[in-house]
Amino acid sequence: MSRLHAYGLETTLRRCGLTVVNARVAGCCAEVPHPADTVTCKAREDDGGRAWFFTSWGEPIAEADRIVDAALIVATTLGTPTEHGCAGE
């Protein structure tokens, strides 16, 4: 079980990245039934080319060696309650 699964998120590894879905929350519309994002790992040029996780819209999440931090950020972004409270608090 991954850290993302511990938050109740579903994951699918695809060629373009790791797609993460929060199937427990309704999405914004019929085209997006649940909050989701595809996370990629690539070099961050403004950090000396070190590997970082990024959202599908190109926002940096965390350094690639900060897996727990990245999972928490993805979980809260997708509206998943964490042990520290509910997302968005």
Protein backbone atom coordinates (compact mmCIF):
# COMPACT_ATOMS: atom_id res chain seq x y z
CA MET A 1 0.00 0.00 0.00
CA SER A 2 1.35 3.40 -0.94
CA ARG A 3 1.06 6.60 1.06
CA LEU A 4 -1.55 7.84 -1.41
CA HIS A 5 -3.65 4.70 -0.86
CA ALA A 6 -3.42 5.33 2.89
CA TYR A 7 -5.24 8.61 2.22
CA GLY A 8 -7.97 6.70 0.36
CA LEU A 9 -6.83 7.80 -3.08
CA GLU A 10 -6.82 5.63 -6.19
CA THR A 11 -3.72 5.57 -8.39
CA THR A 12 -2.95 4.45 -11.91
CA LEU A 13 0.56 4.48 -13.32
CA ARG A 14 0.43 5.67 -16.91
CA ARG A 15 3.02 6.50 -19.52
CA CYS A 16 2.48 10.24 -18.86
CA GLY A 17 2.73 9.99 -15.04
CA LEU A 18 0.88 8.81 -11.95
CA THR A 19 -2.83 9.62 -12.09
CA VAL A 20 -4.33 10.12 -8.64
CA VAL A 21 -8.12 10.19 -8.08
CA ASN A 22 -10.18 10.96 -4.99
CA ALA A 23 -13.25 8.86 -5.79
CA ARG A 24 -14.80 9.72 -2.41
CA VAL A 25 -15.45 13.34 -3.41
CA ALA A 26 -17.64 14.69 -6.18
CA GLY A 27 -15.93 16.58 -8.97
CA CYS A 28 -16.88 19.90 -10.42
CA CYS A 29 -18.99 18.71 -13.33
CA ALA A 30 -20.06 15.76 -15.49
CA GLU A 31 -16.75 15.81 -17.37
CA VAL A 32 -14.79 15.64 -14.08
CA PRO A 33 -16.70 13.22 -11.82
CA HIS A 34 -13.96 13.20 -9.13
CA PRO A 35 -10.99 15.41 -8.24
CA ALA A 36 -7.89 14.03 -9.96
CA ASP A 37 -4.41 14.98 -11.08
CA THR A 38 -1.53 13.40 -12.96
CA VAL A 39 1.77 13.75 -11.11
CA THR A 40 5.05 13.69 -13.01
CA CYS A 41 8.68 13.72 -11.95
CA LYS A 42 11.14 15.86 -13.87
CA ALA A 43 14.07 18.21 -13.48
CA ARG A 44 13.29 21.59 -11.94
CA GLU A 45 15.48 24.05 -13.79
CA ASP A 46 15.26 26.80 -11.13
CA ASP A 47 16.56 24.29 -8.54
CA GLY A 48 19.73 23.24 -10.33
CA GLY A 49 18.00 20.53 -12.35
CA ARG A 50 17.13 18.42 -9.29
CA ALA A 51 14.21 16.01 -9.63
CA TRP A 52 10.83 17.28 -8.43
CA PHE A 53 7.23 16.08 -8.55
CA PHE A 54 4.90 18.37 -10.54
CA THR A 55 1.13 18.69 -10.96
CA SER A 56 -0.46 18.30 -14.39
CA TRP A 57 -0.63 22.09 -14.66
CA GLY A 58 3.14 22.41 -14.06
CA GLU A 59 3.16 23.49 -10.42
CA PRO A 60 5.99 22.03 -8.31
CA ILE A 61 4.81 19.75 -5.48
CA ALA A 62 7.98 18.63 -3.68
CA GLU A 63 11.48 17.35 -4.32
CA ALA A 64 11.48 13.75 -5.55
CA ASP A 65 13.15 12.52 -2.36
CA ARG A 66 10.31 14.06 -0.27
CA ILE A 67 7.74 11.38 -1.07
CA VAL A 68 5.74 11.70 2.15
CA ASP A 69 5.50 15.48 1.74
CA ALA A 70 4.45 15.09 -1.88
CA ALA A 71 1.74 12.56 -0.96
CA LEU A 72 0.33 14.87 1.72
CA ILE A 73 0.25 17.81 -0.68
CA VAL A 74 -1.47 15.77 -3.40
CA ALA A 75 -3.98 14.38 -0.88
CA THR A 76 -4.93 17.80 0.47
CA THR A 77 -5.09 19.27 -3.04
CA LEU A 78 -7.61 16.58 -4.00
CA GLY A 79 -9.72 17.24 -0.90
CA THR A 80 -8.75 14.23 1.20
CA PRO A 81 -9.00 14.55 4.98
CA THR A 82 -5.67 13.86 6.69
CA GLU A 83 -4.81 13.07 10.30
CA HIS A 84 -4.12 16.79 10.80
CA GLY A 85 -7.64 17.83 9.88
CA CYS A 86 -9.67 18.21 6.74
CA ALA A 87 -8.25 19.45 3.50
CA GLY A 88 -8.60 23.15 3.02
CA GLU A 89 -8.51 24.02 6.71
